[in-house]
Protein backbone atom coordinates (compact mmCIF):
# COMPACT_ATOMS: atom_id res chain seq x y z
CA MET A 1 6.63 -14.85 -26.17
CA GLU A 2 9.51 -15.30 -23.84
CA ASN A 3 12.24 -14.98 -26.62
CA TYR A 4 12.04 -10.99 -27.06
CA THR A 5 15.52 -9.94 -27.98
CA GLN A 6 17.35 -6.46 -27.56
CA THR A 7 15.73 -4.98 -30.69
CA SER A 8 12.25 -5.09 -29.04
CA THR A 9 11.54 -2.30 -26.35
CA ASP A 10 8.64 -4.29 -24.92
CA PHE A 11 8.85 -6.30 -21.48
CA ILE A 12 6.93 -9.62 -20.89
CA LEU A 13 5.15 -9.97 -17.76
CA LEU A 14 4.99 -13.73 -16.95
CA GLY A 15 2.14 -13.05 -14.69
CA LEU A 16 0.57 -14.68 -11.63
CA PHE A 17 -1.74 -17.07 -12.99
CA PRO A 18 -0.76 -20.49 -14.63
CA PRO A 19 -2.60 -21.53 -17.82
CA SER A 20 -4.95 -23.76 -16.12
CA ARG A 21 -8.34 -24.07 -14.26
CA ILE A 22 -6.55 -23.09 -10.96
CA GLY A 23 -5.27 -20.09 -13.09
CA LEU A 24 -8.78 -19.27 -13.88
CA PHE A 25 -9.86 -19.69 -10.28
CA LEU A 26 -7.25 -17.25 -9.17
CA PHE A 27 -8.13 -14.74 -11.79
CA ILE A 28 -11.77 -14.76 -10.80
CA LEU A 29 -10.59 -14.45 -7.09
CA ILE A 30 -8.45 -11.41 -7.69
CA VAL A 31 -11.02 -9.71 -9.62
CA PHE A 32 -13.40 -9.98 -6.89
CA ILE A 33 -10.86 -8.70 -4.44
CA PHE A 34 -10.15 -5.94 -6.70
CA LEU A 35 -13.87 -4.96 -6.99
CA MET A 36 -14.31 -5.27 -3.10
CA ALA A 37 -11.23 -2.88 -2.71
CA LEU A 38 -12.62 -0.45 -5.03
CA PHE A 39 -16.12 -0.56 -3.09
CA GLY A 40 -14.45 -0.38 0.31
CA ASN A 41 -12.11 2.37 -0.33
CA LEU A 42 -14.54 4.36 -2.43
CA SER A 43 -17.13 3.96 0.47
CA MET A 44 -14.84 5.06 3.09
CA ILE A 45 -13.54 8.22 1.37
CA ILE A 46 -17.20 9.15 0.67
CA LEU A 47 -18.33 8.32 4.33
CA ILE A 48 -15.66 10.31 5.90
CA PHE A 49 -16.66 13.17 3.48
CA LEU A 50 -20.33 13.00 4.04
CA ASP A 51 -20.37 12.66 8.04
CA THR A 52 -19.18 15.40 10.04
CA HIS A 53 -18.47 13.53 13.06
CA LEU A 54 -15.54 11.93 11.01
CA HIS A 55 -13.94 15.11 10.18
CA THR A 56 -11.14 14.77 12.54
CA PRO A 57 -7.34 14.40 12.00
CA MET A 58 -7.60 10.67 12.23
CA TYR A 59 -10.07 10.18 9.66
CA PHE A 60 -8.73 12.71 7.27
CA LEU A 61 -5.41 10.52 7.19
CA LEU A 62 -7.65 7.53 6.89
CA SER A 63 -9.29 8.98 3.94
CA GLN A 64 -5.92 9.57 2.41
CA LEU A 65 -4.97 5.93 2.93
CA SER A 66 -8.25 4.88 1.07
CA ILE A 67 -7.07 7.24 -1.74
CA ILE A 68 -3.73 5.52 -1.87
CA ASP A 69 -4.99 2.09 -1.82
CA LEU A 70 -7.53 2.65 -4.50
CA ASN A 71 -4.77 4.03 -6.75
CA TYR A 72 -2.35 1.41 -5.65
CA ILE A 73 -4.39 -1.62 -6.53
CA SER A 74 -5.63 0.01 -9.82
CA THR A 75 -2.00 0.30 -10.97
CA ILE A 76 -1.50 -3.36 -10.81
CA VAL A 77 -4.71 -5.55 -11.15
CA PRO A 78 -6.29 -3.92 -14.38
CA LYS A 79 -3.14 -4.61 -16.36
CA MET A 80 -2.50 -8.24 -15.05
CA ALA A 81 -6.13 -8.93 -15.60
CA SER A 82 -6.32 -7.85 -19.37
CA ASN A 83 -2.94 -9.67 -19.91
CA PHE A 84 -4.67 -13.11 -18.73
CA LEU A 85 -7.85 -12.41 -20.50
CA PHE A 86 -6.36 -11.45 -24.01
CA GLY A 87 -3.14 -13.47 -23.55
CA ASN A 88 -1.11 -10.41 -24.52
CA LYS A 89 1.62 -10.47 -21.78
CA SER A 90 3.53 -7.56 -23.32
CA ILE A 91 3.95 -3.98 -21.68
CA SER A 92 5.56 -1.35 -23.39
CA TYR A 93 8.95 0.23 -22.12
CA ILE A 94 7.23 3.38 -21.38
CA GLY A 95 3.97 1.55 -19.73
CA CYS A 96 6.52 -0.39 -17.66
CA GLY A 97 8.23 2.74 -16.29
CA VAL A 98 4.79 4.34 -15.55
CA GLN A 99 3.54 1.38 -13.70
CA SER A 100 6.87 1.12 -11.50
CA PHE A 101 6.68 4.89 -10.99
CA PHE A 102 3.14 4.82 -9.60
CA PHE A 103 3.74 1.77 -7.50
CA LEU A 104 6.83 3.00 -6.03
CA THR A 105 5.26 6.47 -5.43
CA LEU A 106 2.18 5.04 -3.81
CA GLY A 107 3.99 2.38 -1.83
CA GLY A 108 6.26 4.97 -0.25
CA ALA A 109 3.64 7.32 0.35
CA GLU A 110 1.54 4.68 2.20
CA ALA A 111 4.57 3.60 4.29
CA LEU A 112 4.95 7.29 5.40
CA LEU A 113 1.22 7.83 5.96
CA LEU A 114 0.88 4.75 8.30
CA THR A 115 3.74 6.42 10.27
CA CYS A 116 1.72 9.56 10.49
CA MET A 117 -1.31 7.54 11.47
CA ALA A 118 0.61 5.91 14.33
CA TYR A 119 1.76 9.53 15.40
CA ASP A 120 -1.72 10.56 15.57
CA ARG A 121 -2.80 7.62 17.81
CA TYR A 122 0.34 8.26 20.03
CA VAL A 123 -0.51 12.10 20.51
CA ALA A 124 -4.16 11.34 21.26
CA ILE A 125 -3.59 8.70 23.88
CA CYS A 126 -0.36 9.90 25.48
CA PHE A 127 -1.02 13.61 25.15
CA PRO A 128 -4.75 14.13 24.67
CA LEU A 129 -4.61 17.82 25.99
CA HIS A 130 -2.22 18.81 23.17
CA TYR A 131 -3.77 17.06 20.62
CA ALA A 132 -5.39 19.81 18.99
CA ILE A 133 -1.94 21.63 18.67
CA HIS A 134 -0.02 18.64 17.56
CA MET A 135 -2.42 17.33 15.10
CA SER A 136 -4.03 20.66 13.65
CA LYS A 137 -5.33 20.77 10.05
CA ARG A 138 -2.14 22.36 9.06
CA VAL A 139 0.11 19.48 10.53
CA CYS A 140 -2.08 17.10 8.58
CA VAL A 141 -1.67 18.62 5.54
CA VAL A 142 2.20 18.80 5.88
CA MET A 143 2.30 15.16 6.81
CA ILE A 144 0.11 14.14 3.81
CA THR A 145 1.84 16.37 1.55
CA GLY A 146 5.31 15.30 2.62
CA SER A 147 4.14 11.66 2.20
CA TRP A 148 3.30 12.22 -1.37
CA ILE A 149 6.47 14.30 -2.23
CA MET A 150 9.02 11.81 -0.66
CA GLY A 151 7.35 8.98 -2.31
CA SER A 152 7.54 10.71 -5.52
CA ILE A 153 11.00 11.60 -5.22
CA ASN A 154 12.01 8.25 -4.21
CA SER A 155 9.91 6.69 -7.21
CA CYS A 156 11.49 9.08 -9.68
CA ALA A 157 15.07 8.11 -8.73
CA HIS A 158 14.49 4.40 -9.09
CA THR A 159 12.28 4.69 -12.15
CA ILE A 160 14.77 6.78 -14.14
CA TYR A 161 17.57 4.11 -13.14
CA ILE A 162 15.47 0.85 -14.29
CA LEU A 163 14.84 2.74 -17.56
CA HIS A 164 18.43 3.43 -18.34
CA ILE A 165 20.11 0.42 -17.71
CA PRO A 166 20.95 -2.06 -20.20
CA TYR A 167 18.89 -5.36 -20.56
CA CYS A 168 19.91 -8.53 -21.95
CA GLN A 169 18.20 -10.69 -24.61
CA SER A 170 15.48 -11.87 -22.40
CA ARG A 171 12.93 -9.01 -21.44
CA ALA A 172 10.69 -11.44 -19.75
CA ILE A 173 9.94 -10.25 -16.12
CA ASN A 174 8.96 -13.07 -13.91
CA HIS A 175 6.18 -11.14 -11.96
CA PHE A 176 2.74 -9.68 -12.71
CA PHE A 177 3.93 -6.33 -12.57
CA CYS A 178 7.09 -4.16 -13.31
CA ASP A 179 8.61 -4.74 -10.02
CA VAL A 180 12.24 -3.28 -9.28
CA PRO A 181 13.87 -6.41 -8.28
CA ALA A 182 12.51 -8.46 -10.91
CA MET A 183 13.71 -6.11 -13.51
CA ILE A 184 17.16 -5.84 -12.03
CA SER A 185 17.53 -9.47 -12.59
CA LEU A 186 17.45 -9.03 -16.15
CA ALA A 187 20.12 -6.06 -16.20
CA CYS A 188 23.36 -6.85 -18.48
CA MET A 189 25.44 -5.12 -15.90
CA ASP A 190 26.61 -5.19 -12.35
CA THR A 191 23.94 -3.74 -10.30
CA TRP A 192 25.34 -4.13 -6.84
CA VAL A 193 25.83 -0.44 -6.23
CA TYR A 194 21.99 0.20 -7.20
CA GLU A 195 20.92 -2.76 -5.12
CA TYR A 196 22.57 -0.95 -2.23
CA THR A 197 20.63 2.13 -2.78
CA VAL A 198 17.47 -0.07 -2.86
CA PHE A 199 18.48 -1.33 0.58
CA VAL A 200 18.94 2.28 1.50
CA SER A 201 15.49 3.15 0.46
CA THR A 202 13.75 0.34 1.84
CA THR A 203 15.39 0.85 5.22
CA LEU A 204 14.34 4.76 5.08
CA PHE A 205 10.81 4.06 3.93
CA LEU A 206 9.99 0.87 5.57
CA VAL A 207 12.20 -0.31 8.34
CA PHE A 208 12.81 3.10 10.12
CA PRO A 209 9.10 3.78 9.93
CA PHE A 210 8.13 0.51 11.12
CA ILE A 211 10.37 0.89 14.15
CA GLY A 212 8.97 4.43 14.94
CA ILE A 213 5.39 2.69 14.85
CA ALA A 214 6.60 -0.02 17.09
CA CYS A 215 8.15 2.33 19.69
CA SER A 216 5.11 4.64 19.55
CA TYR A 217 2.80 1.80 20.08
CA GLY A 218 5.02 0.51 22.93
CA ARG A 219 4.54 3.85 24.64
CA VAL A 220 0.61 3.65 23.86
CA LEU A 221 0.19 0.36 25.33
CA PHE A 222 1.78 1.39 28.30
CA ALA A 223 -0.54 4.50 28.57
CA ILE A 224 -3.55 2.28 27.78
CA CYS A 225 -2.64 0.00 30.90
CA ARG A 226 -2.62 3.00 33.10
CA MET A 227 -6.13 4.24 32.05
CA GLN A 228 -8.67 4.19 34.82
CA SER A 229 -11.87 4.15 32.32
CA THR A 230 -12.54 0.77 31.11
CA GLU A 231 -14.50 2.19 28.22
CA GLY A 232 -11.49 4.51 27.27
CA ARG A 233 -9.02 1.40 27.37
CA LYS A 234 -11.35 -0.66 25.18
CA LYS A 235 -11.60 2.10 22.53
CA ALA A 236 -7.93 2.87 22.55
CA TYR A 237 -7.01 -0.77 22.26
CA SER A 238 -9.51 -1.23 19.47
CA THR A 239 -7.98 1.61 17.44
CA CYS A 240 -4.43 0.64 17.94
CA SER A 241 -4.80 -2.95 17.40
CA THR A 242 -6.80 -2.19 14.16
CA HIS A 243 -3.78 -0.09 12.97
CA LEU A 244 -1.07 -2.68 14.02
CA THR A 245 -3.03 -5.15 11.84
CA VAL A 246 -2.82 -2.87 8.85
CA VAL A 247 0.91 -2.12 9.47
CA THR A 248 1.83 -5.90 9.74
CA PHE A 249 0.24 -7.07 6.68
CA TYR A 250 1.84 -4.11 4.69
CA TYR A 251 5.24 -3.50 5.87
CA THR A 252 6.38 -7.32 6.71
CA PRO A 253 6.39 -8.79 3.11
CA PHE A 254 7.13 -5.59 1.44
CA ALA A 255 10.43 -5.07 3.58
CA TYR A 256 11.21 -8.76 3.24
CA THR A 257 11.13 -8.71 -0.48
CA TYR A 258 13.20 -5.59 -0.93
CA LEU A 259 15.70 -6.45 1.89
CA HIS A 260 16.25 -10.10 0.67
CA PRO A 261 19.48 -10.67 -1.17
CA ARG A 262 19.05 -11.36 -4.98
CA SER A 263 20.90 -14.59 -4.82
CA LEU A 264 18.28 -16.05 -2.08
CA ARG A 265 15.33 -14.62 -3.79
CA SER A 266 12.56 -16.75 -5.32
CA PRO A 267 10.33 -15.53 -8.32
CA THR A 268 7.38 -17.56 -7.04
CA GLU A 269 7.77 -16.42 -3.39
CA ASP A 270 8.35 -12.73 -4.38
CA LYS A 271 4.99 -12.87 -6.31
CA ILE A 272 3.10 -14.39 -3.21
CA LEU A 273 4.48 -11.78 -0.96
CA ALA A 274 3.50 -9.05 -3.53
CA VAL A 275 -0.05 -10.22 -3.48
CA PHE A 276 -0.16 -9.27 0.25
CA TYR A 277 1.00 -5.49 -0.13
CA THR A 278 -0.44 -4.95 -3.72
CA ILE A 279 -3.72 -6.77 -3.32
CA LEU A 280 -4.76 -8.05 -0.27
CA THR A 281 -3.82 -5.03 1.82
CA PRO A 282 -5.96 -2.42 -0.27
CA MET A 283 -8.90 -4.68 0.17
CA LEU A 284 -8.43 -5.49 3.93
CA ASN A 285 -7.87 -1.77 5.00
CA PRO A 286 -11.24 -0.61 4.60
CA ILE A 287 -12.81 -3.83 6.03
CA ILE A 288 -10.60 -3.65 9.18
CA TYR A 289 -11.24 -0.08 9.62
CA SER A 290 -14.94 -0.38 9.55
CA LEU A 291 -15.64 -3.54 11.09
CA ARG A 292 -13.55 -2.92 14.12
CA ASN A 293 -14.64 0.91 14.38
CA LYS A 294 -17.77 1.80 16.25
CA GLU A 295 -17.34 5.41 14.98
CA VAL A 296 -17.17 4.31 11.41
CA MET A 297 -20.23 2.13 11.72
CA GLY A 298 -22.25 4.52 13.49
CA ALA A 299 -21.41 7.20 10.66
CA LEU A 300 -22.68 4.41 8.03
CA ARG A 301 -25.83 4.18 9.69
CA ARG A 302 -26.31 7.81 10.08
CA VAL A 303 -25.69 8.36 6.26
CA ILE A 304 -27.96 5.45 5.33
CA GLN A 305 -30.88 6.90 7.58
CA ARG A 306 -30.17 10.35 5.91
CA ILE A 307 -30.54 8.75 2.48
CA CYS A 308 -33.57 6.84 3.46
CA PHE A 309 -35.15 9.94 4.90
CA MET A 310 -34.36 12.04 1.68
CA LYS A 311 -36.22 9.51 -0.28
CA MET A 312 -39.24 9.35 1.92
């Protein structure tokens, strides 16, 4: 199956699971994580929609994060699972382009949305009296819309390029989805100019936002230390540490993969790192934001009580 020639327009995804019992175990584990991610993110979206106490800018942004994560993991895992189950590792030329487009759009949008969420916490803790002005409903809508539009534009540019470059005889992508760095390694041309644009895009969408988040949380931690209220300090620290955990899980492996020179890149390492930002992060986000957030747990209790009362 790996000997596809230039006459075929299909790509071959070599996948993540080895053809052994270990591969079967990993497959079952990934499917379980996928189902947990679907349940967790859907629950967060429904909970934020139903409970009026969560109708705030912070949770409006969090609901968007759940929507992105829901689509993000659904772009990758179903195709990977079907390839393993049916033994057909091929993906059409258009299918590969579509998957790459949605992956890059959602990835870019999430990176920018996490930055918006950091700004929200920065304003809430450092400038609480101006919060209603700086984080109005209009500002939230602009932030979310801007994240989706910028992610789509960036994704469109990269997808058009990778679909128009000549590929060599082998169309076997050593990955479990149509990832740009893995596809570039199959090109029959010098791609150093494009690799430079990947570096620039990664810097704009991952490195700069991460630096911005780190700086904003530096200011936030300084403000928390100066708080006189112990309860307020605990609440602020819990919220910020939760967001920093999510940010670290997402940005670090993503940036490392896309900034790493191709000559030093390992396909196995790339696949392991990709599991973090494509599969684990969408599953962990709702867990982290719910278990470590008293407001979310309180909203969950209120919704359950309301449902039980309606049944009675």
